[in-house]
N, C-alpha and C. Protein backbone atom coordinates (compact mmCIF):
# COMPACT_ATOMS: atom_id res chain seq x y z
N MET A 1 3.46 -1.52 17.86
CA MET A 1 3.83 -1.75 16.39
C MET A 1 3.05 -1.15 15.61
N SER A 2 3.07 -0.09 14.93
CA SER A 2 2.33 0.24 13.77
C SER A 2 1.92 -0.67 12.78
N VAL A 3 0.50 -0.06 12.02
CA VAL A 3 0.20 -1.08 11.02
C VAL A 3 1.36 -1.02 10.18
N LYS A 4 1.73 0.08 9.51
CA LYS A 4 2.93 0.28 8.60
C LYS A 4 4.13 -0.82 9.18
N ALA A 5 4.51 -0.88 10.18
CA ALA A 5 5.65 -1.41 10.79
C ALA A 5 5.13 -2.81 10.24
N MET A 6 3.91 -3.37 10.81
CA MET A 6 3.52 -4.66 10.77
C MET A 6 3.62 -5.18 9.05
N MET A 7 2.90 -4.30 8.44
CA MET A 7 2.83 -4.53 6.88
C MET A 7 4.35 -4.70 6.24
N ALA A 8 5.07 -4.05 6.81
CA ALA A 8 6.52 -3.96 6.50
C ALA A 8 7.25 -5.18 6.98
N ALA A 9 6.81 -5.73 7.78
CA ALA A 9 7.44 -7.19 8.40
C ALA A 9 7.09 -8.25 7.72
N ILE A 10 5.63 -8.00 7.37
CA ILE A 10 5.17 -9.17 6.41
C ILE A 10 5.84 -9.32 5.10
N LEU A 11 5.87 -7.95 4.59
CA LEU A 11 6.39 -7.85 2.99
C LEU A 11 7.63 -8.42 3.22
N HIS A 12 8.57 -8.10 4.28
CA HIS A 12 9.63 -8.58 4.47
C HIS A 12 10.14 -10.08 4.44
N ASP A 13 9.42 -10.60 5.08
CA ASP A 13 8.98 -12.30 5.51
C ASP A 13 8.64 -12.98 3.91
N GLN A 14 7.66 -12.14 3.04
CA GLN A 14 7.25 -12.77 2.12
C GLN A 14 8.35 -12.67 1.33
N MET A 15 9.01 -11.60 1.25
CA MET A 15 10.08 -11.37 -0.16
C MET A 15 11.29 -12.33 0.27
N THR A 16 11.96 -12.52 1.64
CA THR A 16 12.52 -13.40 2.33
C THR A 16 12.30 -14.78 1.70
N ALA A 17 11.25 -15.26 1.86
CA ALA A 17 10.62 -16.41 1.40
C ALA A 17 10.72 -16.57 -0.27
N ARG A 18 10.61 -15.59 -0.93
CA ARG A 18 11.23 -15.59 -2.11
C ARG A 18 12.34 -15.60 -2.70
N GLY A 19 13.32 -15.50 -1.73
CA GLY A 19 14.53 -15.50 -2.32
C GLY A 19 15.40 -13.96 -1.87
N VAL A 20 14.41 -12.98 -1.71
CA VAL A 20 14.79 -11.54 -1.76
C VAL A 20 15.38 -11.10 -0.60
N ASP A 21 16.69 -10.84 -0.61
CA ASP A 21 17.44 -10.26 0.91
C ASP A 21 18.15 -8.95 0.73
N SER A 22 18.04 -8.38 -0.12
CA SER A 22 19.08 -7.50 -0.30
C SER A 22 18.39 -6.11 0.07
N LEU A 23 17.00 -6.04 0.31
CA LEU A 23 16.33 -4.84 0.60
C LEU A 23 16.58 -4.51 2.25
N SER A 24 16.55 -3.23 2.56
CA SER A 24 16.85 -2.65 4.17
C SER A 24 15.41 -2.55 4.56
N ARG A 25 15.32 -2.52 5.77
CA ARG A 25 13.92 -2.28 6.57
C ARG A 25 13.42 -1.10 6.04
N SER A 26 14.21 0.14 5.86
CA SER A 26 13.85 1.29 5.61
C SER A 26 13.20 1.02 4.15
N ASP A 27 13.69 0.14 3.03
CA ASP A 27 13.14 -0.22 1.78
C ASP A 27 11.81 -0.79 1.97
N TYR A 28 11.33 -1.47 2.87
CA TYR A 28 10.30 -2.34 3.11
C TYR A 28 9.32 -1.09 3.55
N GLU A 29 9.78 -0.41 4.41
CA GLU A 29 8.59 0.48 5.00
C GLU A 29 8.57 1.89 4.16
N GLU A 30 9.19 2.12 2.86
CA GLU A 30 9.24 3.18 1.76
C GLU A 30 8.27 2.23 0.92
N ILE A 31 8.30 1.10 0.59
CA ILE A 31 7.50 0.13 -0.28
C ILE A 31 6.14 0.42 0.24
N VAL A 32 5.81 -0.10 1.48
CA VAL A 32 4.63 -0.10 2.28
C VAL A 32 3.96 1.12 2.07
N GLU A 33 4.62 2.49 2.40
CA GLU A 33 3.90 3.88 2.40
C GLU A 33 3.76 3.91 0.90
N LEU A 34 4.25 3.44 0.03
CA LEU A 34 4.01 4.21 -1.43
C LEU A 34 2.46 3.32 -1.72
N LEU A 35 2.74 1.81 -1.38
CA LEU A 35 1.50 1.18 -1.53
C LEU A 35 0.38 1.62 -0.48
N ILE A 36 0.35 2.21 0.39
CA ILE A 36 -0.68 2.75 1.07
C ILE A 36 -1.22 4.02 0.65
N GLU A 37 -0.23 5.08 -0.08
CA GLU A 37 -0.58 6.38 -0.83
C GLU A 37 -1.11 6.09 -1.99
N GLN A 38 -0.82 5.27 -2.83
CA GLN A 38 -1.61 4.61 -4.15
C GLN A 38 -3.03 3.79 -3.82
N LEU A 39 -3.24 3.14 -2.87
CA LEU A 39 -4.32 2.59 -2.63
C LEU A 39 -5.46 3.85 -2.09
N ARG A 40 -4.99 4.68 -1.49
CA ARG A 40 -5.81 6.01 -0.97
C ARG A 40 -6.02 6.84 -2.46
N GLU A 41 -5.25 6.69 -3.33
CA GLU A 41 -5.44 7.68 -4.65
C GLU A 41 -6.71 6.99 -5.13
N LEU A 42 -6.48 5.27 -5.42
CA LEU A 42 -7.51 4.53 -6.03
C LEU A 42 -8.64 4.63 -5.51
N GLU A 43 -8.61 4.84 -3.88
CA GLU A 43 -9.90 4.91 -3.22
C GLU A 43 -10.70 6.29 -3.58
N PHE A 44 -10.10 7.12 -3.51
CA PHE A 44 -10.59 8.33 -3.91
C PHE A 44 -11.06 8.57 -5.19
N SER A 45 -10.40 8.08 -6.15
CA SER A 45 -10.78 8.19 -7.64
C SER A 45 -11.96 7.25 -7.89
N LEU A 46 -11.92 6.26 -6.88
CA LEU A 46 -13.18 5.43 -7.48
C LEU A 46 -14.51 5.94 -6.47
N ALA A 47 -14.01 6.88 -5.57
CA ALA A 47 -15.29 7.48 -4.80
C ALA A 47 -15.78 8.37 -5.64
N ALA A 48 -14.83 9.38 -6.33
CA ALA A 48 -15.12 10.37 -7.41
C ALA A 48 -16.03 9.85 -8.43
N ARG A 49 -15.45 8.78 -9.15
CA ARG A 49 -16.20 8.04 -10.16
C ARG A 49 -17.55 7.81 -9.82
N GLU A 50 -17.87 7.30 -8.39
CA GLU A 50 -19.28 6.80 -8.07
C GLU A 50 -20.14 7.94 -8.10
N LEU A 51 -19.64 9.32 -7.44
CA LEU A 51 -20.36 10.21 -7.18
C LEU A 51 -20.78 10.96 -8.67
N ALA A 52 -19.78 10.92 -9.61
CA ALA A 52 -19.98 11.48 -10.85
C ALA A 52 -21.28 10.58 -11.62
N ASP A 53 -21.22 9.20 -11.20
CA ASP A 53 -22.19 8.20 -11.97
C ASP A 53 -23.60 8.63 -11.28
N LYS A 54 -23.53 8.96 -9.82
CA LYS A 54 -24.50 9.26 -9.28
C LYS A 54 -25.22 10.64 -9.56
N GLY A 55 -24.61 11.46 -10.10
CA GLY A 55 -24.74 13.00 -10.32
C GLY A 55 -26.08 13.36 -10.32
N PRO A 56 -26.37 14.67 -10.73
CA PRO A 56 -27.93 15.07 -10.54
C PRO A 56 -28.73 14.29 -11.52
N GLN A 57 -29.90 13.81 -11.03
CA GLN A 57 -30.76 13.08 -11.63
C GLN A 57 -32.18 13.66 -11.85
């Protein structure tokens, strides 16, 4: 099982525990994919900011 599939299963379990049961498996996978993409963008942004802060001294 891939990490994304495991994350989707965890998300499904957590949403079900909170009463959300109307989403399909593909919905959970899509949500996980979007979360991973947003985390990557945040990581790149933070790294770029760190590099800019260290700039030429």
